[in-house]
């Protein structure tokens, strides 16, 4: 059950005069304020990483993992060995396994994780992380340090909340600047 670690350096949002803070072409308009410029900064996984991750060891019974999920109100635990993620156990996986195996609570976390684990480092752009989640049809990515130790987790939900917030700020800026809206 070795984990495939996929680390991608992210580039964030790039290009255009707004990214540099320069005036728009033709001298029209005004220079963006420092607040507006900050909206166009590169956004990395580090901006949304949850560092307080619920974890379990390989031999943790499923019933214990479920209790941890319920106690912390989360839908997954990261299965670790020596502080390095080796898999993710989700509430969905447990529920689907329950149909085939009514005694799933007696299994261990290791028995329910499958496939290669995909992880990223904190510098990965949020867009690269979202693309990776889409490509791999996953909703969670463990975030690891340079030595492969678990640093946190980024979820699809966290990324979408961040992006929605940034889009709301941009929409407010456009609304303030457009007399017809």
N, C-alpha and C. Protein backbone atom coordinates (compact mmCIF):
# COMPACT_ATOMS: atom_id res chain seq x y z
N UNK A 1 0.81 -1.19 0.00
CA UNK A 1 0.00 0.00 0.00
C UNK A 1 0.86 1.25 0.00
N UNK A 2 1.90 1.29 -0.76
CA UNK A 2 2.72 2.49 -0.85
C UNK A 2 1.94 3.61 -1.49
N UNK A 3 2.15 4.80 -1.04
CA UNK A 3 1.38 5.92 -1.58
C UNK A 3 2.10 6.59 -2.72
N UNK A 4 1.34 6.92 -3.73
CA UNK A 4 1.89 7.71 -4.83
C UNK A 4 1.77 9.14 -4.41
N UNK A 5 2.88 9.80 -4.36
CA UNK A 5 2.87 11.19 -3.96
C UNK A 5 3.04 12.05 -5.19
N UNK A 6 2.05 12.86 -5.44
CA UNK A 6 2.09 13.71 -6.61
C UNK A 6 2.18 15.14 -6.13
N UNK A 7 3.34 15.73 -6.32
CA UNK A 7 3.52 17.11 -5.89
C UNK A 7 3.66 17.98 -7.13
N UNK A 8 2.88 19.04 -7.12
CA UNK A 8 2.90 19.93 -8.26
C UNK A 8 3.13 21.35 -7.79
N UNK A 9 4.08 22.01 -8.37
CA UNK A 9 4.29 23.42 -8.04
C UNK A 9 3.18 24.20 -8.71
N UNK A 10 2.50 25.06 -7.98
CA UNK A 10 1.38 25.80 -8.53
C UNK A 10 1.79 27.19 -8.96
N UNK A 11 1.05 27.70 -9.93
CA UNK A 11 1.37 29.02 -10.44
C UNK A 11 0.33 30.05 -10.07
N UNK A 12 -0.87 29.65 -9.69
CA UNK A 12 -1.88 30.62 -9.30
C UNK A 12 -2.39 31.41 -10.48
N UNK A 13 -2.92 32.58 -10.20
CA UNK A 13 -3.47 33.46 -11.23
C UNK A 13 -2.34 34.32 -11.76
N UNK A 14 -2.18 34.35 -13.06
CA UNK A 14 -1.07 35.11 -13.64
C UNK A 14 -1.55 35.97 -14.79
N UNK A 15 -0.67 36.91 -15.16
CA UNK A 15 -0.86 37.67 -16.39
C UNK A 15 -1.72 38.90 -16.24
N UNK A 16 -1.80 39.68 -17.32
CA UNK A 16 -2.66 40.84 -17.40
C UNK A 16 -2.17 42.01 -16.56
N UNK A 17 -2.61 43.21 -16.88
CA UNK A 17 -2.17 44.37 -16.15
C UNK A 17 -2.65 44.37 -14.71
N UNK A 18 -3.80 43.75 -14.42
CA UNK A 18 -4.30 43.75 -13.06
C UNK A 18 -3.38 42.96 -12.14
N UNK A 19 -2.73 41.93 -12.66
CA UNK A 19 -1.87 41.12 -11.82
C UNK A 19 -0.65 41.89 -11.37
N UNK A 20 -0.23 42.89 -12.14
CA UNK A 20 0.95 43.67 -11.77
C UNK A 20 0.59 44.98 -11.09
N UNK A 21 -0.68 45.33 -11.11
CA UNK A 21 -1.09 46.58 -10.51
C UNK A 21 -0.97 47.75 -11.47
N UNK A 22 -0.65 47.52 -12.73
CA UNK A 22 -0.50 48.59 -13.72
C UNK A 22 -1.88 49.10 -14.15
N UNK A 23 -1.90 50.29 -14.69
CA UNK A 23 -3.16 50.84 -15.21
C UNK A 23 -3.57 50.06 -16.46
N UNK A 24 -4.87 49.97 -16.70
CA UNK A 24 -5.34 49.30 -17.92
C UNK A 24 -4.81 50.02 -19.16
N UNK A 25 -4.75 49.31 -20.26
CA UNK A 25 -4.24 49.85 -21.53
C UNK A 25 -5.02 51.10 -21.91
N UNK A 26 -4.32 52.03 -22.56
CA UNK A 26 -4.97 53.24 -23.06
C UNK A 26 -5.10 54.33 -22.01
N UNK A 27 -4.60 54.09 -20.80
CA UNK A 27 -4.64 55.10 -19.77
C UNK A 27 -6.02 55.30 -19.16
N UNK A 28 -7.01 54.53 -19.55
CA UNK A 28 -8.36 54.67 -19.02
C UNK A 28 -8.44 53.99 -17.66
N UNK A 29 -9.36 54.43 -16.86
CA UNK A 29 -9.59 53.79 -15.56
C UNK A 29 -8.61 54.29 -14.53
N UNK A 30 -8.56 53.59 -13.43
CA UNK A 30 -7.68 53.96 -12.33
C UNK A 30 -6.84 52.77 -11.93
N UNK A 31 -5.75 53.03 -11.26
CA UNK A 31 -4.91 51.94 -10.77
C UNK A 31 -5.66 51.21 -9.67
N UNK A 32 -5.60 49.89 -9.66
CA UNK A 32 -6.30 49.14 -8.61
C UNK A 32 -5.73 49.49 -7.24
N UNK A 33 -6.60 49.52 -6.24
CA UNK A 33 -6.14 49.75 -4.87
C UNK A 33 -5.38 48.51 -4.40
N UNK A 34 -4.67 48.64 -3.28
CA UNK A 34 -3.93 47.48 -2.76
C UNK A 34 -4.88 46.35 -2.41
N UNK A 35 -6.10 46.66 -1.97
CA UNK A 35 -7.08 45.62 -1.65
C UNK A 35 -7.46 44.84 -2.91
N UNK A 36 -7.68 45.55 -4.01
CA UNK A 36 -8.06 44.89 -5.26
C UNK A 36 -6.90 44.05 -5.80
N UNK A 37 -5.69 44.54 -5.69
CA UNK A 37 -4.54 43.77 -6.16
C UNK A 37 -4.43 42.46 -5.39
N UNK A 38 -4.73 42.52 -4.09
CA UNK A 38 -4.60 41.30 -3.29
C UNK A 38 -5.58 40.23 -3.76
N UNK A 39 -6.66 40.62 -4.41
CA UNK A 39 -7.63 39.65 -4.91
C UNK A 39 -7.04 38.82 -6.05
N UNK A 40 -6.05 39.35 -6.71
CA UNK A 40 -5.52 38.68 -7.88
C UNK A 40 -4.18 38.00 -7.60
N UNK A 41 -3.90 37.78 -6.35
CA UNK A 41 -2.66 37.11 -5.98
C UNK A 41 -2.77 35.62 -6.30
N UNK A 42 -1.64 34.98 -6.48
CA UNK A 42 -1.69 33.53 -6.65
C UNK A 42 -2.29 32.88 -5.40
N UNK A 43 -3.16 31.93 -5.59
CA UNK A 43 -3.81 31.23 -4.48
C UNK A 43 -3.27 29.82 -4.45
N UNK A 44 -2.71 29.45 -3.30
CA UNK A 44 -2.14 28.11 -3.18
C UNK A 44 -2.93 27.28 -2.18
N UNK A 45 -2.63 26.01 -2.16
CA UNK A 45 -3.23 25.09 -1.21
C UNK A 45 -2.99 25.60 0.21
N UNK A 46 -1.86 26.26 0.43
CA UNK A 46 -1.52 26.78 1.75
C UNK A 46 -2.58 27.76 2.26
N UNK A 47 -3.32 28.40 1.35
CA UNK A 47 -4.36 29.35 1.74
C UNK A 47 -5.60 28.67 2.32
N UNK A 48 -5.78 27.39 2.08
CA UNK A 48 -6.98 26.70 2.55
C UNK A 48 -6.69 25.41 3.32
N UNK A 49 -5.43 25.08 3.51
CA UNK A 49 -5.11 23.81 4.17
C UNK A 49 -5.65 23.80 5.60
N UNK A 50 -6.30 22.71 5.95
CA UNK A 50 -6.73 22.48 7.33
C UNK A 50 -5.63 21.67 7.99
N UNK A 51 -5.00 22.26 8.99
CA UNK A 51 -3.86 21.60 9.61
C UNK A 51 -4.25 20.64 10.72
N UNK A 52 -5.45 20.76 11.24
CA UNK A 52 -5.93 19.89 12.30
C UNK A 52 -6.65 18.70 11.65
N UNK A 53 -5.88 17.71 11.26
CA UNK A 53 -6.41 16.57 10.49
C UNK A 53 -6.74 15.40 11.42
N UNK A 54 -7.87 14.78 11.19
CA UNK A 54 -8.24 13.59 11.94
C UNK A 54 -7.51 12.42 11.29
N UNK A 55 -6.74 11.69 12.09
CA UNK A 55 -5.93 10.59 11.56
C UNK A 55 -6.23 9.29 12.30
N UNK A 56 -5.80 8.21 11.67
CA UNK A 56 -5.89 6.88 12.26
C UNK A 56 -4.70 6.07 11.77
N UNK A 57 -4.30 5.10 12.55
CA UNK A 57 -3.22 4.18 12.16
C UNK A 57 -3.81 3.06 11.31
N UNK A 58 -2.96 2.31 10.65
CA UNK A 58 -3.39 1.19 9.80
C UNK A 58 -4.32 0.23 10.53
N UNK A 59 -3.97 -0.08 11.79
CA UNK A 59 -4.70 -1.11 12.53
C UNK A 59 -5.88 -0.58 13.33
N UNK A 60 -6.24 0.67 13.13
CA UNK A 60 -7.38 1.26 13.83
C UNK A 60 -8.67 0.57 13.37
N UNK A 61 -9.47 0.06 14.31
CA UNK A 61 -10.76 -0.55 13.93
C UNK A 61 -11.68 0.50 13.28
N UNK A 62 -12.46 0.07 12.33
CA UNK A 62 -13.39 0.96 11.64
C UNK A 62 -14.32 1.65 12.64
N UNK A 63 -14.79 0.93 13.63
CA UNK A 63 -15.70 1.53 14.63
C UNK A 63 -15.01 2.71 15.33
N UNK A 64 -13.71 2.62 15.58
CA UNK A 64 -12.98 3.72 16.20
C UNK A 64 -12.83 4.88 15.23
N UNK A 65 -12.55 4.58 13.97
CA UNK A 65 -12.44 5.63 12.95
C UNK A 65 -13.77 6.35 12.79
N UNK A 66 -14.87 5.61 12.80
CA UNK A 66 -16.20 6.22 12.68
C UNK A 66 -16.48 7.11 13.90
N UNK A 67 -16.10 6.66 15.06
CA UNK A 67 -16.29 7.47 16.28
C UNK A 67 -15.50 8.78 16.18
N UNK A 68 -14.28 8.71 15.64
CA UNK A 68 -13.48 9.92 15.46
C UNK A 68 -14.16 10.87 14.47
N UNK A 69 -14.68 10.33 13.38
CA UNK A 69 -15.36 11.17 12.39
C UNK A 69 -16.58 11.84 13.02
N UNK A 70 -17.35 11.07 13.79
CA UNK A 70 -18.55 11.63 14.43
C UNK A 70 -18.18 12.70 15.45
N UNK A 71 -17.17 12.42 16.26
CA UNK A 71 -16.74 13.36 17.29
C UNK A 71 -16.27 14.69 16.70
N UNK A 72 -15.57 14.61 15.58
CA UNK A 72 -14.99 15.82 14.97
C UNK A 72 -15.85 16.37 13.84
N UNK A 73 -16.97 15.71 13.54
CA UNK A 73 -17.90 16.12 12.49
C UNK A 73 -17.20 16.27 11.14
N UNK A 74 -16.48 15.23 10.75
CA UNK A 74 -15.80 15.19 9.46
C UNK A 74 -16.21 13.92 8.72
N UNK A 75 -15.95 13.88 7.42
CA UNK A 75 -16.33 12.75 6.61
C UNK A 75 -15.19 11.81 6.26
N UNK A 76 -14.02 12.05 6.86
CA UNK A 76 -12.89 11.19 6.53
C UNK A 76 -11.83 11.25 7.62
N UNK A 77 -10.98 10.22 7.60
CA UNK A 77 -9.76 10.23 8.41
C UNK A 77 -8.62 9.88 7.47
N UNK A 78 -7.48 10.49 7.71
CA UNK A 78 -6.29 10.17 6.94
C UNK A 78 -5.57 9.04 7.68
N UNK A 79 -5.33 7.95 6.98
CA UNK A 79 -4.62 6.82 7.57
C UNK A 79 -3.13 7.08 7.40
N UNK A 80 -2.42 7.02 8.53
CA UNK A 80 -1.00 7.37 8.53
C UNK A 80 -0.14 6.24 9.08
N UNK A 81 1.12 6.29 8.68
CA UNK A 81 2.15 5.42 9.23
C UNK A 81 3.39 6.29 9.40
N UNK A 82 3.88 6.39 10.62
CA UNK A 82 5.03 7.25 10.92
C UNK A 82 4.80 8.69 10.44
N UNK A 83 3.62 9.21 10.72
CA UNK A 83 3.23 10.58 10.35
C UNK A 83 3.17 10.83 8.84
N UNK A 84 3.19 9.76 8.06
CA UNK A 84 3.09 9.90 6.60
C UNK A 84 1.75 9.30 6.15
N UNK A 85 0.99 10.04 5.35
CA UNK A 85 -0.30 9.51 4.90
C UNK A 85 -0.13 8.32 3.96
N UNK A 86 -0.94 7.30 4.18
CA UNK A 86 -0.91 6.13 3.30
C UNK A 86 -2.28 5.88 2.65
N UNK A 87 -3.29 6.59 3.10
CA UNK A 87 -4.62 6.42 2.53
C UNK A 87 -5.63 7.31 3.22
N UNK A 88 -6.82 7.36 2.64
CA UNK A 88 -7.92 8.12 3.23
C UNK A 88 -9.11 7.18 3.36
N UNK A 89 -9.69 7.17 4.54
CA UNK A 89 -10.87 6.37 4.83
C UNK A 89 -12.04 7.34 4.92
N UNK A 90 -13.05 7.15 4.08
CA UNK A 90 -14.18 8.07 4.05
C UNK A 90 -15.45 7.41 4.58
N UNK A 91 -16.37 8.26 5.02
CA UNK A 91 -17.66 7.75 5.47
C UNK A 91 -18.39 7.06 4.32
N UNK A 92 -18.21 7.55 3.13
CA UNK A 92 -18.85 6.94 1.95
C UNK A 92 -18.32 5.53 1.71
N UNK A 93 -17.00 5.36 1.80
CA UNK A 93 -16.39 4.04 1.61
C UNK A 93 -16.92 3.05 2.64
N UNK A 94 -17.04 3.51 3.87
CA UNK A 94 -17.55 2.65 4.93
C UNK A 94 -19.01 2.27 4.64
N UNK A 95 -19.82 3.25 4.25
CA UNK A 95 -21.23 2.99 3.96
C UNK A 95 -21.39 2.02 2.80
N UNK A 96 -20.60 2.19 1.75
CA UNK A 96 -20.70 1.28 0.60
C UNK A 96 -20.19 -0.12 0.94
N UNK A 97 -19.20 -0.22 1.79
CA UNK A 97 -18.67 -1.51 2.20
C UNK A 97 -19.67 -2.24 3.09
N UNK A 98 -20.45 -1.49 3.85
CA UNK A 98 -21.45 -2.06 4.75
C UNK A 98 -22.44 -2.96 4.02
N UNK A 99 -22.79 -2.59 2.79
CA UNK A 99 -23.73 -3.40 2.01
C UNK A 99 -23.15 -4.79 1.73
N UNK A 100 -21.87 -4.84 1.38
CA UNK A 100 -21.21 -6.10 1.08
C UNK A 100 -20.79 -6.85 2.34
N UNK A 101 -20.44 -6.11 3.38
CA UNK A 101 -19.88 -6.70 4.58
C UNK A 101 -20.53 -6.07 5.82
N UNK A 102 -21.60 -6.68 6.33
CA UNK A 102 -22.30 -6.11 7.49
C UNK A 102 -21.40 -6.01 8.74
N UNK A 103 -20.30 -6.73 8.76
CA UNK A 103 -19.38 -6.70 9.89
C UNK A 103 -18.20 -5.75 9.65
N UNK A 104 -18.40 -4.75 8.82
CA UNK A 104 -17.32 -3.84 8.46
C UNK A 104 -16.71 -3.16 9.69
N UNK A 105 -17.48 -2.98 10.74
CA UNK A 105 -16.97 -2.32 11.95
C UNK A 105 -15.82 -3.10 12.58
N UNK A 106 -15.74 -4.39 12.27
CA UNK A 106 -14.67 -5.23 12.81
C UNK A 106 -13.40 -5.19 11.96
N UNK A 107 -13.48 -4.56 10.79
CA UNK A 107 -12.31 -4.44 9.90
C UNK A 107 -11.37 -3.36 10.43
N UNK A 108 -10.21 -3.24 9.81
CA UNK A 108 -9.28 -2.17 10.17
C UNK A 108 -9.24 -1.12 9.06
N UNK A 109 -8.73 0.03 9.40
CA UNK A 109 -8.64 1.12 8.43
C UNK A 109 -7.87 0.68 7.19
N UNK A 110 -6.79 -0.05 7.39
CA UNK A 110 -5.96 -0.49 6.27
C UNK A 110 -6.75 -1.34 5.28
N UNK A 111 -7.71 -2.10 5.77
CA UNK A 111 -8.48 -2.99 4.91
C UNK A 111 -9.45 -2.24 4.00
N UNK A 112 -9.77 -1.01 4.35
CA UNK A 112 -10.73 -0.26 3.54
C UNK A 112 -10.11 0.82 2.66
N UNK A 113 -8.82 1.10 2.82
CA UNK A 113 -8.20 2.07 1.91
C UNK A 113 -7.75 1.32 0.67
N UNK A 114 -7.86 1.98 -0.46
CA UNK A 114 -7.47 1.30 -1.69
C UNK A 114 -6.76 2.26 -2.63
N UNK A 115 -6.04 1.69 -3.54
CA UNK A 115 -5.36 2.49 -4.55
C UNK A 115 -4.20 3.28 -3.99
N UNK A 116 -3.58 4.00 -4.87
CA UNK A 116 -2.45 4.84 -4.49
C UNK A 116 -2.97 6.16 -3.94
N UNK A 117 -2.37 6.61 -2.87
CA UNK A 117 -2.73 7.89 -2.29
C UNK A 117 -2.11 9.01 -3.11
N UNK A 118 -2.88 10.02 -3.35
CA UNK A 118 -2.41 11.19 -4.07
C UNK A 118 -2.34 12.34 -3.07
N UNK A 119 -1.21 13.01 -3.01
CA UNK A 119 -1.04 14.13 -2.09
C UNK A 119 -0.37 15.27 -2.83
N UNK A 120 -0.39 16.44 -2.20
CA UNK A 120 0.24 17.63 -2.77
C UNK A 120 1.04 18.34 -1.69
N UNK A 121 1.88 19.28 -2.12
CA UNK A 121 2.55 20.11 -1.13
C UNK A 121 1.83 21.45 -1.05
N UNK A 122 2.14 22.23 -0.04
CA UNK A 122 1.41 23.46 0.24
C UNK A 122 1.56 24.51 -0.85
N UNK A 123 2.59 24.43 -1.67
CA UNK A 123 2.79 25.45 -2.71
C UNK A 123 1.99 25.17 -3.98
N UNK A 124 1.33 24.04 -4.05
CA UNK A 124 0.50 23.72 -5.22
C UNK A 124 -0.60 24.77 -5.36
N UNK A 125 -0.80 25.26 -6.58
CA UNK A 125 -1.87 26.24 -6.77
C UNK A 125 -3.22 25.56 -6.53
N UNK A 126 -4.16 26.34 -6.07
CA UNK A 126 -5.49 25.79 -5.81
C UNK A 126 -6.12 25.28 -7.11
N UNK A 127 -5.78 25.92 -8.23
CA UNK A 127 -6.32 25.47 -9.51
C UNK A 127 -5.73 24.12 -9.91
N UNK A 128 -4.45 23.92 -9.67
CA UNK A 128 -3.84 22.62 -9.94
C UNK A 128 -4.43 21.54 -9.02
N UNK A 129 -4.67 21.90 -7.76
CA UNK A 129 -5.27 20.95 -6.83
C UNK A 129 -6.68 20.58 -7.27
N UNK A 130 -7.46 21.56 -7.70
CA UNK A 130 -8.81 21.28 -8.18
C UNK A 130 -8.79 20.42 -9.44
N UNK A 131 -7.85 20.70 -10.34
CA UNK A 131 -7.74 19.89 -11.55
C UNK A 131 -7.36 18.45 -11.20
N UNK A 132 -6.44 18.30 -10.26
CA UNK A 132 -6.04 16.97 -9.82
C UNK A 132 -7.21 16.22 -9.19
N UNK A 133 -7.99 16.91 -8.36
CA UNK A 133 -9.17 16.27 -7.76
C UNK A 133 -10.15 15.84 -8.84
N UNK A 134 -10.34 16.70 -9.83
CA UNK A 134 -11.25 16.36 -10.93
C UNK A 134 -10.72 15.17 -11.73
N UNK A 135 -9.45 15.22 -12.09
CA UNK A 135 -8.85 14.14 -12.89
C UNK A 135 -8.91 12.80 -12.16
N UNK A 136 -8.71 12.82 -10.86
CA UNK A 136 -8.65 11.59 -10.07
C UNK A 136 -9.98 11.24 -9.42
N UNK A 137 -11.00 12.05 -9.64
CA UNK A 137 -12.32 11.90 -9.03
C UNK A 137 -12.24 11.68 -7.52
N UNK A 138 -11.57 12.62 -6.86
CA UNK A 138 -11.45 12.61 -5.41
C UNK A 138 -11.85 13.96 -4.87
N UNK A 139 -12.15 14.02 -3.58
CA UNK A 139 -12.59 15.27 -2.96
C UNK A 139 -11.63 15.78 -1.89
N UNK A 140 -10.59 14.99 -1.60
CA UNK A 140 -9.68 15.35 -0.52
C UNK A 140 -8.24 15.07 -0.95
N UNK A 141 -7.36 15.99 -0.56
CA UNK A 141 -5.94 15.81 -0.85
C UNK A 141 -5.12 16.06 0.42
N UNK A 142 -4.43 15.04 0.89
CA UNK A 142 -3.50 15.30 1.99
C UNK A 142 -2.40 16.24 1.51
N UNK A 143 -1.99 17.13 2.41
CA UNK A 143 -0.91 18.07 2.12
C UNK A 143 0.29 17.60 2.93
N UNK A 144 1.42 17.41 2.25
CA UNK A 144 2.62 16.87 2.90
C UNK A 144 3.76 17.87 2.82
N UNK A 145 4.72 17.70 3.75
CA UNK A 145 5.92 18.53 3.72
C UNK A 145 6.95 17.88 2.80
N UNK A 146 8.14 18.46 2.76
CA UNK A 146 9.19 17.97 1.86
C UNK A 146 9.62 16.53 2.15
N UNK A 147 9.36 16.06 3.36
CA UNK A 147 9.75 14.70 3.72
C UNK A 147 8.58 13.72 3.69
N UNK A 148 7.44 14.18 3.17
CA UNK A 148 6.29 13.30 3.02
C UNK A 148 5.43 13.17 4.27
N UNK A 149 5.71 13.96 5.31
CA UNK A 149 4.90 13.91 6.53
C UNK A 149 3.63 14.74 6.34
N UNK A 150 2.56 14.27 6.94
CA UNK A 150 1.28 14.94 6.84
C UNK A 150 1.35 16.33 7.47
N UNK A 151 0.97 17.31 6.70
CA UNK A 151 0.93 18.70 7.17
C UNK A 151 -0.49 19.20 7.33
N UNK A 152 -1.41 18.62 6.55
CA UNK A 152 -2.80 19.04 6.60
C UNK A 152 -3.60 18.36 5.50
N UNK A 153 -4.76 18.91 5.23
CA UNK A 153 -5.61 18.36 4.18
C UNK A 153 -6.34 19.52 3.51
N UNK A 154 -6.55 19.40 2.22
CA UNK A 154 -7.37 20.37 1.50
C UNK A 154 -8.51 19.57 0.88
N UNK A 155 -9.71 20.14 1.00
CA UNK A 155 -10.88 19.45 0.48
C UNK A 155 -11.51 20.28 -0.64
N UNK A 156 -12.28 19.62 -1.45
CA UNK A 156 -13.00 20.30 -2.52
C UNK A 156 -13.89 21.39 -1.92
N UNK A 157 -14.54 21.10 -0.82
CA UNK A 157 -15.42 22.09 -0.18
C UNK A 157 -14.63 23.33 0.22
N UNK A 158 -13.46 23.14 0.85
CA UNK A 158 -12.64 24.27 1.28
C UNK A 158 -12.22 25.12 0.09
N UNK A 159 -11.81 24.48 -0.98
CA UNK A 159 -11.36 25.21 -2.17
C UNK A 159 -12.51 26.00 -2.78
N UNK A 160 -13.69 25.40 -2.84
CA UNK A 160 -14.84 26.09 -3.43
C UNK A 160 -15.27 27.29 -2.58
N UNK A 161 -15.20 27.16 -1.26
CA UNK A 161 -15.54 28.29 -0.39
C UNK A 161 -14.55 29.44 -0.62
N UNK A 162 -13.26 29.12 -0.70
CA UNK A 162 -12.26 30.15 -0.97
C UNK A 162 -12.52 30.84 -2.31
N UNK A 163 -12.74 30.05 -3.34
CA UNK A 163 -12.95 30.64 -4.67
C UNK A 163 -14.24 31.45 -4.72
N UNK A 164 -15.28 30.99 -4.08
CA UNK A 164 -16.54 31.74 -4.05
C UNK A 164 -16.34 33.08 -3.35
N UNK A 165 -15.57 33.08 -2.28
CA UNK A 165 -15.28 34.32 -1.56
C UNK A 165 -14.50 35.29 -2.43
N UNK A 166 -13.49 34.79 -3.13
CA UNK A 166 -12.69 35.65 -4.01
C UNK A 166 -13.53 36.19 -5.17
N UNK A 167 -14.39 35.34 -5.74
CA UNK A 167 -15.26 35.80 -6.83
C UNK A 167 -16.25 36.84 -6.33
N UNK A 168 -16.75 36.68 -5.11
CA UNK A 168 -17.65 37.68 -4.54
C UNK A 168 -16.95 39.03 -4.40
N UNK A 169 -15.69 39.02 -3.96
CA UNK A 169 -14.93 40.26 -3.83
C UNK A 169 -14.74 40.92 -5.20
N UNK A 170 -14.44 40.11 -6.20
CA UNK A 170 -14.25 40.66 -7.55
C UNK A 170 -15.57 41.21 -8.09
N UNK A 171 -16.67 40.51 -7.85
CA UNK A 171 -17.97 40.97 -8.32
C UNK A 171 -18.34 42.30 -7.66
N UNK A 172 -18.02 42.46 -6.39
CA UNK A 172 -18.28 43.71 -5.68
C UNK A 172 -17.47 44.84 -6.29
N UNK A 173 -16.24 44.58 -6.66
CA UNK A 173 -15.39 45.58 -7.31
C UNK A 173 -15.98 46.00 -8.64
N UNK A 174 -16.41 45.04 -9.45
CA UNK A 174 -17.02 45.34 -10.75
C UNK A 174 -18.30 46.14 -10.54
N UNK A 175 -19.11 45.74 -9.58
CA UNK A 175 -20.37 46.42 -9.32
C UNK A 175 -20.12 47.88 -8.92
N UNK A 176 -19.12 48.14 -8.09
CA UNK A 176 -18.80 49.51 -7.68
C UNK A 176 -18.33 50.34 -8.87
N UNK A 177 -17.65 49.73 -9.82
CA UNK A 177 -17.07 50.46 -10.93
C UNK A 177 -18.01 50.59 -12.13
N UNK A 178 -19.09 49.86 -12.15
CA UNK A 178 -19.96 49.87 -13.31
C UNK A 178 -21.25 50.61 -12.97
N UNK A 179 -21.47 51.78 -13.59
CA UNK A 179 -22.65 52.59 -13.26
C UNK A 179 -23.96 51.92 -13.68
N UNK A 180 -23.94 50.99 -14.59
CA UNK A 180 -25.20 50.39 -15.07
C UNK A 180 -25.67 49.23 -14.20
N UNK A 181 -24.85 48.79 -13.28
CA UNK A 181 -25.26 47.66 -12.44
C UNK A 181 -25.90 48.09 -11.16
